Amino acid sequence: MIKTFAPSSPILKKYIECFYLYEGKSTSKFSYIAFPHFNTGLSFFKGASIIREQWRIGISESRDAAVHIEILGKYTSPLKIDYKGKVQEISIVFKPLGLNRFVRDSYQSIAPHFSQQFTNNVWGDFGENLFSGDDDLSNLESFLLSQYTEIQDLARIEESLKNLENSNDETSIATLAILLGYNQKTFQRHFKKYMGCTPIEYRRICRFRHALTNKLNNAQLKNLTELTYEGGYFDQSYFIKEFHKLTNHNPTDFFKAASKVDGDKIVWVIK
């Protein structure tokens, strides 16, 4: 039902985690719950109408032949996605800061909500030529490379991610800002501009994803005490509380329900 593909271009591999393709039938019904992530999803849809409610996206078959582009913002609650009918989707999963290399406007300005339509003339014109069945992913890679640009402004933000992604690093945001040559307000403003969330929110998401990967990809079952310690959480009570905020589940129930899609590239709870 869903197939993932790694980019073939070395440049794109630096900034894109994977592409994934979905194609439903007229009788298809498919739902999953996505959880907060440091990556960013952008999807091209054909033959689809999109409805957004609180923490839910409904994607259903439509007679409208126009291609719709949907982009996820940084969300900190579980997000339910429902598919119904004959819908085609080609999605790009950008690594942190990756999107900013291919779009001229900042991430914060184009994705202030948990999900929204991406209205961009260049991307929209390209999207109308997708879904031809004639090597769509190759055409998508060529388009992305034509849009690629380096942004000097990102160098210090990129450096900050190394600290924030380290689950055992307790450097305060104020100290990190100084180390990067910012004052705290300027650092937080620049960070949110390109990342779509605050440094504190990003650290929370990274700790959660670290615990998630550590549990699901480890041959030896880890108990909550081990996950708490290795994830950089203060104590087990705090770990459980944070997990519930980000998944609406306690850790034990969550890990029973979680599924890895096509290896370990995507982790969802599939309904």
C-alpha atoms as a PDB file:
ATOM      1  CA  MET A   1       0.000   0.000   0.000  1.00  0.00           C
ATOM      2  CA  ILE A   2       2.791   2.411   0.939  1.00  0.00           C
ATOM      3  CA  LYS A   3       6.226   2.196  -0.618  1.00  0.00           C
ATOM      4  CA  THR A   4       9.255   4.245   0.419  1.00  0.00           C
ATOM      5  CA  PHE A   5      12.244   5.167  -1.707  1.00  0.00           C
ATOM      6  CA  ALA A   6      15.581   6.747  -0.843  1.00  0.00           C
ATOM      7  CA  PRO A   7      16.737   9.695  -2.969  1.00  0.00           C
ATOM      8  CA  SER A   8      19.332   8.765  -5.580  1.00  0.00           C
ATOM      9  CA  SER A   9      21.039  12.174  -5.702  1.00  0.00           C
ATOM     10  CA  PRO A  10      23.849  12.684  -3.113  1.00  0.00           C
ATOM     11  CA  ILE A  11      22.674  16.271  -2.595  1.00  0.00           C
ATOM     12  CA  LEU A  12      19.088  15.204  -1.942  1.00  0.00           C
ATOM     13  CA  LYS A  13      20.213  12.448   0.432  1.00  0.00           C
ATOM     14  CA  LYS A  14      21.645  15.137   2.714  1.00  0.00           C
ATOM     15  CA  TYR A  15      18.289  16.846   3.095  1.00  0.00           C
ATOM     16  CA  ILE A  16      15.596  14.248   2.369  1.00  0.00           C
ATOM     17  CA  GLU A  17      14.921  11.156   4.465  1.00  0.00           C
ATOM     18  CA  CYS A  18      12.795   9.398   1.869  1.00  0.00           C
ATOM     19  CA  PHE A  19       9.970   9.630  -0.633  1.00  0.00           C
ATOM     20  CA  TYR A  20       6.845   7.568  -0.191  1.00  0.00           C
ATOM     21  CA  LEU A  21       4.060   6.666  -2.564  1.00  0.00           C
ATOM     22  CA  TYR A  22       0.465   5.755  -1.796  1.00  0.00           C
ATOM     23  CA  GLU A  23      -2.264   4.749  -4.212  1.00  0.00           C
ATOM     24  CA  GLY A  24      -5.729   3.815  -3.015  1.00  0.00           C
ATOM     25  CA  LYS A  25      -8.568   2.066  -4.784  1.00  0.00           C
ATOM     26  CA  SER A  26     -12.193   3.188  -4.897  1.00  0.00           C
ATOM     27  CA  THR A  27     -12.932   0.796  -2.015  1.00  0.00           C
ATOM     28  CA  SER A  28      -9.867   1.751   0.058  1.00  0.00           C
ATOM     29  CA  LYS A  29     -10.137   2.872   3.679  1.00  0.00           C
ATOM     30  CA  PHE A  30      -6.916   3.431   5.540  1.00  0.00           C
ATOM     31  CA  SER A  31      -6.103   5.337   8.735  1.00  0.00           C
ATOM     32  CA  TYR A  32      -3.030   5.904  10.843  1.00  0.00           C
ATOM     33  CA  ILE A  33      -1.839   8.088  13.676  1.00  0.00           C
ATOM     34  CA  ALA A  34       1.387  10.034  13.161  1.00  0.00           C
ATOM     35  CA  PHE A  35       3.410  11.351  16.091  1.00  0.00           C
ATOM     36  CA  PRO A  36       5.553  14.471  16.547  1.00  0.00           C
ATOM     37  CA  HIS A  37       8.676  14.313  14.411  1.00  0.00           C
ATOM     38  CA  PHE A  38      11.737  16.426  13.667  1.00  0.00           C
ATOM     39  CA  ASN A  39      11.275  15.671   9.947  1.00  0.00           C
ATOM     40  CA  THR A  40       8.802  17.535   7.723  1.00  0.00           C
ATOM     41  CA  GLY A  41       6.312  16.002   5.308  1.00  0.00           C
ATOM     42  CA  LEU A  42       5.174  17.590   2.056  1.00  0.00           C
ATOM     43  CA  SER A  43       2.745  15.678  -0.162  1.00  0.00           C
ATOM     44  CA  PHE A  44       1.404  15.987  -3.690  1.00  0.00           C
ATOM     45  CA  PHE A  45      -2.155  14.605  -3.995  1.00  0.00           C
ATOM     46  CA  LYS A  46      -4.118  13.837  -7.137  1.00  0.00           C
ATOM     47  CA  GLY A  47      -7.855  13.164  -7.127  1.00  0.00           C
ATOM     48  CA  ALA A  48      -8.187  14.159  -3.487  1.00  0.00           C
ATOM     49  CA  SER A  49     -10.061  16.587  -1.278  1.00  0.00           C
ATOM     50  CA  ILE A  50      -8.536  17.530   2.082  1.00  0.00           C
ATOM     51  CA  ILE A  51     -10.442  18.303   5.260  1.00  0.00           C
ATOM     52  CA  ARG A  52      -8.606  19.481   8.390  1.00  0.00           C
ATOM     53  CA  GLU A  53     -10.108  19.277  11.846  1.00  0.00           C
ATOM     54  CA  GLN A  54      -8.398  19.456  15.225  1.00  0.00           C
ATOM     55  CA  TRP A  55      -5.444  17.058  14.957  1.00  0.00           C
ATOM     56  CA  ARG A  56      -7.064  15.188  12.068  1.00  0.00           C
ATOM     57  CA  ILE A  57      -6.628  15.249   8.292  1.00  0.00           C
ATOM     58  CA  GLY A  58      -9.281  13.618   6.108  1.00  0.00           C
ATOM     59  CA  ILE A  59      -8.141  12.718   2.585  1.00  0.00           C
ATOM     60  CA  SER A  60     -10.886  11.437   0.309  1.00  0.00           C
ATOM     61  CA  GLU A  61     -11.438  10.730  -3.365  1.00  0.00           C
ATOM     62  CA  SER A  62     -12.451  13.721  -5.464  1.00  0.00           C
ATOM     63  CA  ARG A  63     -13.447  14.297  -9.069  1.00  0.00           C
ATOM     64  CA  ASP A  64     -11.261  17.401  -9.110  1.00  0.00           C
ATOM     65  CA  ALA A  65      -8.252  16.517 -11.266  1.00  0.00           C
ATOM     66  CA  ALA A  66      -6.085  19.359  -9.931  1.00  0.00           C
ATOM     67  CA  VAL A  67      -2.999  18.430  -7.912  1.00  0.00           C
ATOM     68  CA  HIS A  68      -3.103  19.571  -4.289  1.00  0.00           C
ATOM     69  CA  ILE A  69       0.067  20.137  -2.227  1.00  0.00           C
ATOM     70  CA  GLU A  70      -0.196  19.699   1.549  1.00  0.00           C
ATOM     71  CA  ILE A  71       2.573  20.526   4.032  1.00  0.00           C
ATOM     72  CA  LEU A  72       2.764  19.555   7.693  1.00  0.00           C
ATOM     73  CA  GLY A  73       3.791  22.061  10.322  1.00  0.00           C
ATOM     74  CA  LYS A  74       5.531  21.147  13.572  1.00  0.00           C
ATOM     75  CA  TYR A  75       2.836  19.482  15.644  1.00  0.00           C
ATOM     76  CA  THR A  76       3.239  18.363  19.272  1.00  0.00           C
ATOM     77  CA  SER A  77       0.141  16.159  19.540  1.00  0.00           C
ATOM     78  CA  PRO A  78      -0.791  12.924  17.737  1.00  0.00           C
ATOM     79  CA  LEU A  79      -2.190  13.504  14.272  1.00  0.00           C
ATOM     80  CA  LYS A  80      -4.821  11.177  12.777  1.00  0.00           C
ATOM     81  CA  ILE A  81      -4.847  10.763   8.997  1.00  0.00           C
ATOM     82  CA  ASP A  82      -7.788   9.092   7.254  1.00  0.00           C
ATOM     83  CA  TYR A  83      -7.741   7.986   3.604  1.00  0.00           C
ATOM     84  CA  LYS A  84     -10.862   7.041   1.692  1.00  0.00           C
ATOM     85  CA  GLY A  85     -11.212   6.067  -1.946  1.00  0.00           C
ATOM     86  CA  LYS A  86      -9.003   6.307  -5.000  1.00  0.00           C
ATOM     87  CA  VAL A  87      -6.321   8.784  -3.947  1.00  0.00           C
ATOM     88  CA  GLN A  88      -2.770   9.122  -5.266  1.00  0.00           C
ATOM     89  CA  GLU A  89       0.011  10.618  -3.140  1.00  0.00           C
ATOM     90  CA  ILE A  90       3.701  11.309  -3.642  1.00  0.00           C
ATOM     91  CA  SER A  91       5.289  12.537  -0.432  1.00  0.00           C
ATOM     92  CA  ILE A  92       8.676  14.032   0.439  1.00  0.00           C
ATOM     93  CA  VAL A  93       9.985  13.553   3.972  1.00  0.00           C
ATOM     94  CA  PHE A  94      12.517  16.338   4.561  1.00  0.00           C
ATOM     95  CA  LYS A  95      15.184  16.081   7.241  1.00  0.00           C
ATOM     96  CA  PRO A  96      15.463  18.936   9.779  1.00  0.00           C
ATOM     97  CA  LEU A  97      16.138  22.231   7.945  1.00  0.00           C
ATOM     98  CA  GLY A  98      15.992  20.317   4.643  1.00  0.00           C
ATOM     99  CA  LEU A  99      12.854  22.003   3.310  1.00  0.00           C
ATOM    100  CA  ASN A 100      14.467  25.444   3.606  1.00  0.00           C
ATOM    101  CA  ARG A 101      16.979  24.527   0.879  1.00  0.00           C
ATOM    102  CA  PHE A 102      14.221  24.034  -1.699  1.00  0.00           C
ATOM    103  CA  VAL A 103      11.631  26.689  -0.831  1.00  0.00           C
ATOM    104  CA  ARG A 104      12.308  30.422  -0.897  1.00  0.00           C
ATOM    105  CA  ASP A 105       9.988  31.290   1.993  1.00  0.00           C
ATOM    106  CA  SER A 106      10.772  30.238   5.560  1.00  0.00           C
ATOM    107  CA  TYR A 107       9.196  27.111   7.018  1.00  0.00           C
ATOM    108  CA  GLN A 108       7.421  29.118   9.724  1.00  0.00           C
ATOM    109  CA  SER A 109       5.760  31.380   7.137  1.00  0.00           C
ATOM    110  CA  ILE A 110       4.420  28.557   4.948  1.00  0.00           C
ATOM    111  CA  ALA A 111       3.497  26.057   7.682  1.00  0.00           C
ATOM    112  CA  PRO A 112       2.246  27.879  10.802  1.00  0.00           C
ATOM    113  CA  HIS A 113      -0.437  25.217  11.492  1.00  0.00           C
ATOM    114  CA  PHE A 114      -0.289  21.455  11.977  1.00  0.00           C
ATOM    115  CA  SER A 115      -1.230  21.048   8.299  1.00  0.00           C
ATOM    116  CA  GLN A 116      -2.089  23.384   5.424  1.00  0.00           C
ATOM    117  CA  GLN A 117      -2.145  23.719   1.665  1.00  0.00           C
ATOM    118  CA  PHE A 118       1.175  24.815   0.177  1.00  0.00           C
ATOM    119  CA  THR A 119       0.411  27.483  -2.410  1.00  0.00           C
ATOM    120  CA  ASN A 120       3.461  28.204  -4.513  1.00  0.00           C
ATOM    121  CA  ASN A 121       3.309  28.865  -8.251  1.00  0.00           C
ATOM    122  CA  VAL A 122       6.552  27.085  -9.128  1.00  0.00           C
ATOM    123  CA  TRP A 123       5.739  24.004  -7.064  1.00  0.00           C
ATOM    124  CA  GLY A 124       2.109  24.074  -8.216  1.00  0.00           C
ATOM    125  CA  ASP A 125       3.053  24.174 -11.898  1.00  0.00           C
ATOM    126  CA  PHE A 126       5.433  21.276 -11.382  1.00  0.00           C
ATOM    127  CA  GLY A 127       2.808  19.291  -9.475  1.00  0.00           C
ATOM    128  CA  GLU A 128       0.394  19.418 -12.402  1.00  0.00           C
ATOM    129  CA  ASN A 129       2.895  17.337 -14.403  1.00  0.00           C
ATOM    130  CA  LEU A 130       3.252  14.661 -11.724  1.00  0.00           C
ATOM    131  CA  PHE A 131       1.327  11.372 -11.654  1.00  0.00           C
ATOM    132  CA  SER A 132       1.989  10.763 -15.328  1.00  0.00           C
ATOM    133  CA  GLY A 133       3.267   7.288 -14.529  1.00  0.00           C
ATOM    134  CA  ASP A 134       6.438   8.087 -16.447  1.00  0.00           C
ATOM    135  CA  ASP A 135       9.149   7.965 -13.767  1.00  0.00           C
ATOM    136  CA  ASP A 136       7.542  10.429 -11.365  1.00  0.00           C
ATOM    137  CA  LEU A 137      10.275  10.132  -8.723  1.00  0.00           C
ATOM    138  CA  SER A 138      13.030  10.869 -11.235  1.00  0.00           C
ATOM    139  CA  ASN A 139      11.129  13.967 -12.367  1.00  0.00           C
ATOM    140  CA  LEU A 140      10.626  14.987  -8.742  1.00  0.00           C
ATOM    141  CA  GLU A 141      14.338  14.673  -8.014  1.00  0.00           C
ATOM    142  CA  SER A 142      15.187  16.792 -11.069  1.00  0.00           C
ATOM    143  CA  PHE A 143      12.732  19.447  -9.938  1.00  0.00           C
ATOM    144  CA  LEU A 144      14.101  19.500  -6.385  1.00  0.00           C
ATOM    145  CA  LEU A 145      17.661  19.884  -7.659  1.00  0.00           C
ATOM    146  CA  SER A 146      16.535  22.813  -9.823  1.00  0.00           C
ATOM    147  CA  GLN A 147      15.153  24.485  -6.664  1.00  0.00           C
ATOM    148  CA  TYR A 148      18.126  23.729  -4.419  1.00  0.00           C
ATOM    149  CA  THR A 149      19.979  26.652  -2.870  1.00  0.00           C
ATOM    150  CA  GLU A 150      22.366  27.086   0.057  1.00  0.00           C
ATOM    151  CA  ILE A 151      21.383  29.511   2.807  1.00  0.00           C
ATOM    152  CA  GLN A 152      24.197  30.954   4.913  1.00  0.00           C
ATOM    153  CA  ASP A 153      21.725  31.873   7.633  1.00  0.00           C
ATOM    154  CA  LEU A 154      21.214  28.182   8.397  1.00  0.00           C
ATOM    155  CA  ALA A 155      24.787  27.338   9.462  1.00  0.00           C
ATOM    156  CA  ARG A 156      24.402  28.285  13.129  1.00  0.00           C
ATOM    157  CA  ILE A 157      20.904  26.820  13.393  1.00  0.00           C
ATOM    158  CA  GLU A 158      22.262  23.592  11.933  1.00  0.00           C
ATOM    159  CA  GLU A 159      25.004  23.626  14.561  1.00  0.00           C
ATOM    160  CA  SER A 160      22.406  24.018  17.311  1.00  0.00           C
ATOM    161  CA  LEU A 161      20.615  20.854  16.181  1.00  0.00           C
ATOM    162  CA  LYS A 162      23.615  18.729  17.170  1.00  0.00           C
ATOM    163  CA  ASN A 163      23.135  19.845  20.760  1.00  0.00           C
ATOM    164  CA  LEU A 164      19.340  19.666  20.810  1.00  0.00           C
ATOM    165  CA  GLU A 165      19.298  16.197  19.238  1.00  0.00           C
ATOM    166  CA  ASN A 166      21.688  14.822  21.874  1.00  0.00           C
ATOM    167  CA  SER A 167      19.290  13.386  24.452  1.00  0.00           C
ATOM    168  CA  ASN A 168      21.893  13.568  27.220  1.00  0.00           C
ATOM    169  CA  ASP A 169      23.006  17.153  26.600  1.00  0.00           C
ATOM    170  CA  GLU A 170      21.463  19.517  29.165  1.00  0.00           C
ATOM    171  CA  THR A 171      22.930  22.781  27.863  1.00  0.00           C
ATOM    172  CA  SER A 172      20.362  25.502  28.479  1.00  0.00           C
ATOM    173  CA  ILE A 173      18.874  27.385  25.530  1.00  0.00           C
ATOM    174  CA  ALA A 174      20.368  30.632  26.874  1.00  0.00           C
ATOM    175  CA  THR A 175      23.860  29.088  27.024  1.00  0.00           C
ATOM    176  CA  LEU A 176      23.472  27.494  23.604  1.00  0.00           C
ATOM    177  CA  ALA A 177      22.504  30.853  22.124  1.00  0.00           C
ATOM    178  CA  ILE A 178      25.668  32.453  23.543  1.00  0.00           C
ATOM    179  CA  LEU A 179      27.841  29.609  22.217  1.00  0.00           C
ATOM    180  CA  LEU A 180      26.399  30.238  18.750  1.00  0.00           C
ATOM    181  CA  GLY A 181      26.945  33.999  18.943  1.00  0.00           C
ATOM    182  CA  TYR A 182      23.290  34.963  19.407  1.00  0.00           C
ATOM    183  CA  ASN A 183      21.391  36.597  22.211  1.00  0.00           C
ATOM    184  CA  GLN A 184      18.613  34.300  23.391  1.00  0.00           C
ATOM    185  CA  LYS A 185      15.710  36.164  21.761  1.00  0.00           C
ATOM    186  CA  THR A 186      17.445  36.353  18.390  1.00  0.00           C
ATOM    187  CA  PHE A 187      18.365  32.663  18.515  1.00  0.00           C
ATOM    188  CA  GLN A 188      14.801  31.628  19.330  1.00  0.00           C
ATOM    189  CA  ARG A 189      13.401  33.864  16.584  1.00  0.00           C
ATOM    190  CA  HIS A 190      15.782  32.473  13.923  1.00  0.00           C
ATOM    191  CA  PHE A 191      15.246  28.911  15.104  1.00  0.00           C
ATOM    192  CA  LYS A 192      11.463  29.154  14.868  1.00  0.00           C
ATOM    193  CA  LYS A 193      11.682  30.852  11.486  1.00  0.00           C
ATOM    194  CA  TYR A 194      13.441  27.864   9.912  1.00  0.00           C
ATOM    195  CA  MET A 195      12.320  24.989  12.144  1.00  0.00           C
ATOM    196  CA  GLY A 196       8.695  25.927  12.785  1.00  0.00           C
ATOM    197  CA  CYS A 197       9.000  25.372  16.547  1.00  0.00           C
ATOM    198  CA  THR A 198      10.998  26.642  19.512  1.00  0.00           C
ATOM    199  CA  PRO A 199      14.306  25.039  20.567  1.00  0.00           C
ATOM    200  CA  ILE A 200      12.588  23.634  23.679  1.00  0.00           C
ATOM    201  CA  GLU A 201       9.833  22.020  21.601  1.00  0.00           C
ATOM    202  CA  TYR A 202      12.420  20.594  19.217  1.00  0.00           C
ATOM    203  CA  ARG A 203      14.390  19.079  22.104  1.00  0.00           C
ATOM    204  CA  ARG A 204      11.206  17.453  23.445  1.00  0.00           C
ATOM    205  CA  ILE A 205      10.418  15.933  20.034  1.00  0.00           C
ATOM    206  CA  CYS A 206      13.982  14.659  19.623  1.00  0.00           C
ATOM    207  CA  ARG A 207      13.979  12.952  23.033  1.00  0.00           C
ATOM    208  CA  PHE A 208      10.684  11.292  22.192  1.00  0.00           C
ATOM    209  CA  ARG A 209      11.916  10.076  18.785  1.00  0.00           C
ATOM    210  CA  HIS A 210      15.174   8.868  20.351  1.00  0.00           C
ATOM    211  CA  ALA A 211      13.250   6.755  22.875  1.00  0.00           C
ATOM    212  CA  LEU A 212      10.965   5.503  20.121  1.00  0.00           C
ATOM    213  CA  THR A 213      13.850   4.422  17.879  1.00  0.00           C
ATOM    214  CA  ASN A 214      15.771   2.973  20.818  1.00  0.00           C
ATOM    215  CA  LYS A 215      12.843   0.759  21.785  1.00  0.00           C
ATOM    216  CA  LEU A 216      11.590  -0.364  18.375  1.00  0.00           C
ATOM    217  CA  ASN A 217      14.978  -0.974  16.758  1.00  0.00           C
ATOM    218  CA  ASN A 218      16.682  -2.764  19.646  1.00  0.00           C
ATOM    219  CA  ALA A 219      16.783  -6.548  19.595  1.00  0.00           C
ATOM    220  CA  GLN A 220      16.797  -6.639  23.379  1.00  0.00           C
ATOM    221  CA  LEU A 221      13.626  -5.363  24.996  1.00  0.00           C
ATOM    222  CA  LYS A 222      14.317  -2.270  27.064  1.00  0.00           C
ATOM    223  CA  ASN A 223      12.248  -1.494  30.137  1.00  0.00           C
ATOM    224  CA  LEU A 224      10.975   1.967  31.023  1.00  0.00           C
ATOM    225  CA  THR A 225      13.835   2.611  33.436  1.00  0.00           C
ATOM    226  CA  GLU A 226      16.405   2.008  30.682  1.00  0.00           C
ATOM    227  CA  LEU A 227      14.475   4.141  28.192  1.00  0.00           C
ATOM    228  CA  THR A 228      14.184   6.942  30.754  1.00  0.00           C
ATOM    229  CA  TYR A 229      17.915   6.932  31.464  1.00  0.00           C
ATOM    230  CA  GLU A 230      19.051   6.601  27.835  1.00  0.00           C
ATOM    231  CA  GLY A 231      16.528   9.208  26.637  1.00  0.00           C
ATOM    232  CA  GLY A 232      17.827  11.929  28.942  1.00  0.00           C
ATOM    233  CA  TYR A 233      14.586  12.263  30.930  1.00  0.00           C
ATOM    234  CA  PHE A 234      14.721  13.419  34.565  1.00  0.00           C
ATOM    235  CA  ASP A 235      12.910  10.392  35.947  1.00  0.00           C
ATOM    236  CA  GLN A 236      10.429   7.706  34.931  1.00  0.00           C
ATOM    237  CA  SER A 237       7.408   9.740  36.018  1.00  0.00           C
ATOM    238  CA  TYR A 238       8.481  12.639  33.788  1.00  0.00           C
ATOM    239  CA  PHE A 239       9.171  10.227  30.900  1.00  0.00           C
ATOM    240  CA  ILE A 240       5.650   8.746  31.154  1.00  0.00           C
ATOM    241  CA  LYS A 241       4.092  12.215  31.396  1.00  0.00           C
ATOM    242  CA  GLU A 242       5.962  13.456  28.307  1.00  0.00           C
ATOM    243  CA  PHE A 243       5.104  10.314  26.344  1.00  0.00           C
ATOM    244  CA  HIS A 244       1.430  10.764  27.125  1.00  0.00           C
ATOM    245  CA  LYS A 245       1.511  14.410  25.989  1.00  0.00           C
ATOM    246  CA  LEU A 246       3.063  13.454  22.650  1.00  0.00           C
ATOM    247  CA  THR A 247       1.133  10.225  21.951  1.00  0.00           C
ATOM    248  CA  ASN A 248      -1.993  10.209  24.173  1.00  0.00           C
ATOM    249  CA  HIS A 249      -0.759   6.810  25.382  1.00  0.00           C
ATOM    250  CA  ASN A 250       1.406   5.592  28.214  1.00  0.00           C
ATOM    251  CA  PRO A 251       4.686   4.092  26.885  1.00  0.00           C
ATOM    252  CA  THR A 252       3.698   0.461  27.437  1.00  0.00           C
ATOM    253  CA  ASP A 253       0.430   0.723  25.499  1.00  0.00           C
ATOM    254  CA  PHE A 254       2.054   2.833  22.796  1.00  0.00           C
ATOM    255  CA  PHE A 255       4.808   0.332  22.021  1.00  0.00           C
ATOM    256  CA  LYS A 256       2.250  -2.470  21.780  1.00  0.00           C
ATOM    257  CA  ALA A 257       0.343  -0.529  19.104  1.00  0.00           C
ATOM    258  CA  ALA A 258       3.171   1.087  17.121  1.00  0.00           C
ATOM    259  CA  SER A 259       4.070  -0.235  13.674  1.00  0.00           C
ATOM    260  CA  LYS A 260       7.117   0.283  11.491  1.00  0.00           C
ATOM    261  CA  VAL A 261       6.272   0.889   7.842  1.00  0.00           C
ATOM    262  CA  ASP A 262       8.730  -0.391   5.234  1.00  0.00           C
ATOM    263  CA  GLY A 263      11.634  -1.033   7.582  1.00  0.00           C
ATOM    264  CA  ASP A 264      12.067   1.720  10.157  1.00  0.00           C
ATOM    265  CA  LYS A 265      11.648   4.824   7.999  1.00  0.00           C
ATOM    266  CA  ILE A 266       8.134   5.581   9.269  1.00  0.00           C
ATOM    267  CA  VAL A 267       6.537   4.700  12.618  1.00  0.00           C
ATOM    268  CA  TRP A 268       2.764   4.943  12.897  1.00  0.00           C
ATOM    269  CA  VAL A 269      -0.115   3.428  14.800  1.00  0.00           C
ATOM    270  CA  ILE A 270      -2.198   1.961  11.995  1.00  0.00           C
ATOM    271  CA  LYS A 271      -5.943   1.699  12.516  1.00  0.00           C
END
